[in-house]
Amino acid sequence: MFSFKSEYTEYGSEKKTLFPLEASVYIVGAGPGDPDLLTVKAQKLLAAADVILFADSLIPEQILELCRKDAEIIKTANQTLEEILPIMIDRVRSQRKSLVRLHSGDPSLYSAIHEQMHLLAEANVPFEVIPGISAFQAAAAKLKVELTVPGLVQTIILTRISGRTEVPTTEELASLAAHQASLCLYLSARHVENAQAKLLEHYPAETPIAICFRIGWPDEKIRVVPLNQMAECTHKEKLIRTTLYIISPALSTTKGRSRLYHPEYDRLFRSSHNLENSTE
């Protein structure tokens, strides 16, 4: 493991000038597309970093307005990891610069950082990972739903269907659908007929699903249809990429109440006994 500082220091209450960052790679989650959904830490890193590597096919260029005017901006949509890695090594280890590797969504989900981190470690290049908001979270907010409704559903499954990237047989979509949980299906629009067929093995045909295209972008689309219309709607809207499907009974209910704020529920900072005997 590396030992390096992940903090950066602000000084001056008016100018908010940033001291230079440590020479390191900062793998930053940019969120689903809306620049306002960047974390505060992500914004500060972008404002301070010497170099920005970003996946320009998945991240809006408006986010780059947060960067230093003199920052080196490198687009990576048309590059392989074999081309990107030497840039990171050179800028951090040789030139002693701070570098933000900007990924869409949250780095923990379908971001291909696993191999990057291993190769950076092998090259003795320090790095830090900064989380971001994932598309399923932004979509739930847009839909104004909670995906874990008491008495109805308490599990969220994040998955994809097999395509060019194979899914392990133990995680086959039909077996996950058997749980009838809130299922968030990424990277599957090109295989939507297959996905719909597997989901219909366990979810009722009338189960509402949300088809969410480019959440957080100016051209975002959200369509809520019954599960048996999932493929038809996808084709009608001509969606082949950057599409998330949310399949959940939570999309069609107004029932369910958490125990957390129930007057009869005891917890650390509030007891039902105290409430019953309160004179306020």
Protein backbone atom coordinates (compact mmCIF):
# COMPACT_ATOMS: atom_id res chain seq x y z
CA MET A 1 0.00 0.00 0.00
CA PHE A 2 1.08 3.56 -0.71
CA SER A 3 1.46 6.27 1.86
CA PHE A 4 0.50 9.62 0.47
CA LYS A 5 -1.60 12.60 1.44
CA SER A 6 -5.11 12.83 -0.01
CA GLU A 7 -5.81 16.23 1.50
CA TYR A 8 -5.45 19.58 -0.14
CA THR A 9 -5.45 22.84 1.80
CA GLU A 10 -7.40 26.03 1.23
CA TYR A 11 -6.21 29.38 2.45
CA GLY A 12 -7.64 32.87 2.25
CA SER A 13 -11.33 33.22 3.09
CA GLU A 14 -11.99 35.33 0.00
CA LYS A 15 -9.89 33.89 -2.82
CA LYS A 16 -10.09 30.22 -1.76
CA THR A 17 -6.74 29.59 -3.40
CA LEU A 18 -5.61 25.97 -3.41
CA PHE A 19 -2.10 24.78 -2.58
CA PRO A 20 -0.79 22.37 -5.24
CA LEU A 21 -1.94 18.79 -4.85
CA GLU A 22 0.40 15.90 -4.19
CA ALA A 23 1.82 14.26 -7.30
CA SER A 24 -0.75 11.51 -7.54
CA VAL A 25 -3.56 10.09 -9.66
CA TYR A 26 -7.06 10.95 -8.41
CA ILE A 27 -9.66 8.63 -9.90
CA VAL A 28 -12.80 10.76 -9.69
CA GLY A 29 -16.44 9.83 -10.24
CA ALA A 30 -18.10 12.56 -12.32
CA GLY A 31 -21.65 11.38 -11.65
CA PRO A 32 -24.26 10.68 -14.33
CA GLY A 33 -23.84 13.89 -16.32
CA ASP A 34 -25.22 16.88 -14.44
CA PRO A 35 -22.23 18.99 -13.33
CA ASP A 36 -24.18 20.03 -10.24
CA LEU A 37 -24.10 16.41 -9.05
CA LEU A 38 -20.32 16.38 -8.70
CA THR A 39 -19.18 15.98 -5.11
CA VAL A 40 -17.53 18.96 -3.45
CA LYS A 41 -14.28 17.01 -3.29
CA ALA A 42 -14.44 16.27 -7.01
CA GLN A 43 -14.95 19.96 -7.77
CA LYS A 44 -11.98 20.94 -5.62
CA LEU A 45 -9.74 18.36 -7.25
CA LEU A 46 -10.74 19.49 -10.74
CA ALA A 47 -10.04 23.10 -9.75
CA ALA A 48 -6.55 22.24 -8.51
CA ALA A 49 -5.19 19.42 -10.68
CA ASP A 50 -2.40 19.93 -13.22
CA VAL A 51 -3.70 17.32 -15.65
CA ILE A 52 -7.22 16.06 -16.45
CA LEU A 53 -7.81 12.79 -18.29
CA PHE A 54 -11.49 12.36 -19.08
CA ALA A 55 -13.68 9.97 -21.03
CA ASP A 56 -15.14 12.60 -23.38
CA SER A 57 -17.77 10.24 -24.85
CA LEU A 58 -19.39 9.81 -21.42
CA ILE A 59 -18.73 13.09 -19.59
CA PRO A 60 -20.10 16.51 -20.64
CA GLU A 61 -17.42 19.05 -21.46
CA GLN A 62 -19.15 21.65 -19.24
CA ILE A 63 -17.50 19.90 -16.30
CA LEU A 64 -14.14 21.05 -17.63
CA GLU A 65 -15.17 24.65 -16.89
CA LEU A 66 -14.26 23.84 -13.28
CA CYS A 67 -10.66 23.11 -14.21
CA ARG A 68 -7.70 25.46 -14.04
CA LYS A 69 -7.28 27.52 -17.20
CA ASP A 70 -3.72 26.24 -17.55
CA ALA A 71 -4.55 22.58 -16.81
CA GLU A 72 -3.56 20.01 -19.42
CA ILE A 73 -6.78 18.44 -20.73
CA ILE A 74 -6.51 15.02 -22.40
CA LYS A 75 -9.49 13.27 -24.00
CA THR A 76 -9.37 9.49 -23.77
CA ALA A 77 -12.49 8.19 -25.55
CA ASN A 78 -10.41 6.93 -28.48
CA GLN A 79 -7.52 5.60 -26.41
CA THR A 80 -6.76 2.20 -24.93
CA LEU A 81 -5.46 1.61 -21.42
CA GLU A 82 -2.06 0.86 -22.97
CA GLU A 83 -2.05 4.46 -24.26
CA ILE A 84 -3.54 6.06 -21.15
CA LEU A 85 -1.36 4.40 -18.52
CA PRO A 86 1.99 5.78 -19.77
CA ILE A 87 0.51 9.29 -19.65
CA MET A 88 -0.46 8.85 -16.01
CA ILE A 89 2.92 7.40 -15.10
CA ASP A 90 4.81 10.14 -16.91
CA ARG A 91 2.85 13.07 -15.48
CA VAL A 92 2.85 11.81 -11.88
CA ARG A 93 6.13 9.94 -11.47
CA SER A 94 8.34 11.79 -13.95
CA GLN A 95 6.86 15.29 -14.00
CA ARG A 96 5.58 15.24 -10.39
CA LYS A 97 2.17 16.57 -11.39
CA SER A 98 -1.29 15.96 -9.93
CA LEU A 99 -3.65 14.16 -12.30
CA VAL A 100 -7.40 13.63 -12.21
CA ARG A 101 -8.67 10.58 -14.08
CA LEU A 102 -12.32 11.50 -14.57
CA HIS A 103 -14.83 8.66 -14.97
CA SER A 104 -18.58 8.83 -15.49
CA GLY A 105 -20.88 7.76 -12.68
CA ASP A 106 -19.27 6.12 -9.66
CA PRO A 107 -15.87 4.43 -10.06
CA SER A 108 -17.06 1.32 -8.21
CA LEU A 109 -19.54 0.42 -10.98
CA TYR A 110 -18.58 -0.58 -14.54
CA SER A 111 -15.78 1.97 -14.72
CA ALA A 112 -12.84 -0.30 -15.61
CA ILE A 113 -10.67 1.06 -12.80
CA HIS A 114 -9.76 -2.38 -11.42
CA GLU A 115 -6.99 -2.93 -13.95
CA GLN A 116 -5.91 0.71 -13.80
CA MET A 117 -5.33 0.53 -10.05
CA HIS A 118 -3.31 -2.68 -10.31
CA LEU A 119 -1.12 -1.26 -13.06
CA LEU A 120 -0.61 2.02 -11.17
CA ALA A 121 0.41 0.04 -8.10
CA GLU A 122 2.87 -2.01 -10.14
CA ALA A 123 4.35 1.24 -11.50
CA ASN A 124 4.63 2.64 -7.96
CA VAL A 125 2.28 5.53 -8.78
CA PRO A 126 0.13 6.70 -5.85
CA PHE A 127 -3.61 7.02 -6.43
CA GLU A 128 -6.84 7.79 -4.62
CA VAL A 129 -10.46 7.01 -5.55
CA ILE A 130 -13.19 9.61 -5.09
CA PRO A 131 -16.77 8.29 -5.32
CA GLY A 132 -19.49 9.79 -7.47
CA ILE A 133 -23.25 9.53 -7.81
CA SER A 134 -24.35 6.57 -9.92
CA ALA A 135 -27.05 6.70 -12.59
CA PHE A 136 -29.42 4.53 -10.54
CA GLN A 137 -29.35 7.07 -7.71
CA ALA A 138 -29.92 10.03 -10.01
CA ALA A 139 -32.71 8.15 -11.81
CA ALA A 140 -34.50 7.30 -8.55
CA ALA A 141 -34.35 10.96 -7.59
CA LYS A 142 -35.82 12.01 -10.94
CA LEU A 143 -38.56 9.39 -10.57
CA LYS A 144 -39.21 10.54 -6.98
CA VAL A 145 -39.12 6.98 -5.67
CA GLU A 146 -37.40 5.11 -2.87
CA LEU A 147 -36.13 1.76 -4.11
CA THR A 148 -36.36 0.13 -0.66
CA VAL A 149 -39.98 0.41 0.51
CA PRO A 150 -40.76 -1.28 3.87
CA GLY A 151 -42.94 -4.34 3.54
CA LEU A 152 -42.46 -4.40 -0.24
CA VAL A 153 -38.80 -4.49 -1.27
CA GLN A 154 -35.59 -4.13 0.75
CA THR A 155 -32.93 -5.14 -1.75
CA ILE A 156 -31.36 -3.35 -4.70
CA ILE A 157 -29.53 -5.40 -7.32
CA LEU A 158 -27.13 -3.65 -9.70
CA THR A 159 -26.29 -5.82 -12.69
CA ARG A 160 -26.04 -6.16 -16.46
CA ILE A 161 -26.81 -8.80 -19.04
CA SER A 162 -24.08 -10.73 -20.82
CA GLY A 163 -22.77 -9.11 -23.97
CA ARG A 164 -19.20 -8.54 -25.08
CA THR A 165 -18.44 -8.64 -21.36
CA GLU A 166 -19.56 -12.01 -20.02
CA VAL A 167 -21.52 -12.18 -16.78
CA PRO A 168 -20.67 -15.12 -14.48
CA THR A 169 -23.20 -17.95 -14.70
CA THR A 170 -23.94 -17.55 -10.99
CA GLU A 171 -25.15 -14.01 -11.74
CA GLU A 172 -27.35 -14.88 -14.72
CA LEU A 173 -30.15 -12.32 -15.05
CA ALA A 174 -33.05 -14.74 -14.64
CA SER A 175 -31.64 -16.04 -11.34
CA LEU A 176 -31.30 -12.47 -10.02
CA ALA A 177 -34.81 -11.61 -11.21
CA ALA A 178 -36.13 -14.47 -9.05
CA HIS A 179 -35.64 -12.21 -6.01
CA GLN A 180 -38.14 -9.67 -7.41
CA ALA A 181 -36.03 -6.95 -5.82
CA SER A 182 -35.42 -3.45 -7.18
CA LEU A 183 -33.22 -4.41 -10.10
CA CYS A 184 -31.08 -1.80 -11.84
CA LEU A 185 -29.92 -3.04 -15.22
CA TYR A 186 -26.92 -1.33 -16.78
CA LEU A 187 -25.31 -1.71 -20.23
CA SER A 188 -28.09 -3.85 -21.65
CA ALA A 189 -30.01 -1.81 -24.26
CA ARG A 190 -28.43 -3.70 -27.18
CA HIS A 191 -29.76 -6.97 -25.71
CA VAL A 192 -33.11 -5.71 -24.50
CA GLU A 193 -35.23 -8.54 -25.96
CA ASN A 194 -33.14 -11.13 -24.16
CA ALA A 195 -33.24 -9.09 -20.95
CA GLN A 196 -37.02 -8.68 -21.11
CA ALA A 197 -37.53 -12.42 -21.64
CA LYS A 198 -35.38 -13.31 -18.65
CA LEU A 199 -37.05 -10.73 -16.40
CA LEU A 200 -40.53 -11.97 -17.39
CA GLU A 201 -39.63 -15.40 -16.00
CA HIS A 202 -40.07 -13.97 -12.50
CA TYR A 203 -41.59 -10.47 -12.57
CA PRO A 204 -45.27 -10.05 -13.54
CA ALA A 205 -45.76 -8.62 -17.03
CA GLU A 206 -47.40 -5.49 -15.62
CA THR A 207 -44.44 -4.70 -13.32
CA PRO A 208 -43.53 -1.06 -14.00
CA ILE A 209 -40.05 -0.38 -15.30
CA ALA A 210 -38.26 2.91 -15.85
CA ILE A 211 -36.20 3.29 -19.00
CA CYS A 212 -33.66 6.03 -18.26
CA PHE A 213 -31.53 7.42 -21.08
CA ARG A 214 -28.58 9.76 -20.42
CA ILE A 215 -29.70 10.72 -16.93
CA GLY A 216 -28.40 14.16 -15.97
CA TRP A 217 -27.76 15.28 -19.56
CA PRO A 218 -29.83 17.96 -21.37
CA ASP A 219 -31.32 15.30 -23.69
CA GLU A 220 -32.22 12.80 -20.96
CA LYS A 221 -35.33 10.67 -21.43
CA ILE A 222 -37.30 8.72 -18.82
CA ARG A 223 -40.11 6.40 -19.85
CA VAL A 224 -42.12 4.27 -17.41
CA VAL A 225 -43.84 1.30 -19.07
CA PRO A 226 -44.97 -2.23 -18.13
CA LEU A 227 -42.21 -4.83 -18.27
CA ASN A 228 -43.75 -6.53 -21.31
CA GLN A 229 -43.26 -3.28 -23.28
CA MET A 230 -39.61 -2.83 -22.30
CA ALA A 231 -38.11 -3.89 -25.65
CA GLU A 232 -40.79 -2.19 -27.74
CA CYS A 233 -40.27 1.17 -26.02
CA THR A 234 -36.48 0.88 -26.23
CA HIS A 235 -36.64 0.35 -29.99
CA LYS A 236 -39.25 3.08 -30.47
CA GLU A 237 -36.98 5.58 -28.70
CA LYS A 238 -33.93 4.28 -30.62
CA LEU A 239 -31.93 3.65 -27.46
CA ILE A 240 -28.78 1.57 -27.92
CA ARG A 241 -26.39 2.93 -25.27
CA THR A 242 -26.18 5.01 -22.06
CA THR A 243 -29.49 3.50 -20.93
CA LEU A 244 -30.39 2.26 -17.45
CA TYR A 245 -33.43 0.10 -16.69
CA ILE A 246 -35.01 0.09 -13.24
CA ILE A 247 -37.37 -2.81 -12.60
CA SER A 248 -39.07 -2.48 -9.24
CA PRO A 249 -42.41 -2.91 -7.46
CA ALA A 250 -41.53 0.36 -5.73
CA LEU A 251 -42.40 2.23 -8.92
CA SER A 252 -46.11 1.50 -8.52
CA THR A 253 -46.83 1.79 -4.81
CA THR A 254 -47.74 4.50 -2.34
CA LYS A 255 -47.83 2.04 0.56
CA GLY A 256 -45.17 1.24 3.09
CA ARG A 257 -43.80 3.12 6.06
CA SER A 258 -40.37 3.00 7.65
CA ARG A 259 -40.18 2.15 11.33
CA LEU A 260 -37.46 4.76 11.80
CA TYR A 261 -39.80 7.71 12.34
CA HIS A 262 -42.79 5.77 13.68
CA PRO A 263 -43.96 7.08 17.10
CA GLU A 264 -43.88 3.56 18.58
CA TYR A 265 -40.33 2.83 17.45
CA ASP A 266 -37.58 3.03 20.09
CA ARG A 267 -34.17 4.21 18.99
CA LEU A 268 -31.08 5.80 20.47
CA PHE A 269 -32.27 9.41 20.35
CA ARG A 270 -35.98 8.83 20.87
CA SER A 271 -38.03 6.31 22.86
CA SER A 272 -41.72 5.54 22.53
CA HIS A 273 -41.98 5.53 26.34
CA ASN A 274 -40.67 9.09 26.55
CA LEU A 275 -43.07 10.21 23.82
CA GLU A 276 -46.04 8.68 25.60
CA ASN A 277 -45.16 10.43 28.84
CA SER A 278 -44.14 13.74 27.29
CA THR A 279 -46.19 16.79 28.28
CA GLU A 280 -44.99 18.81 25.29
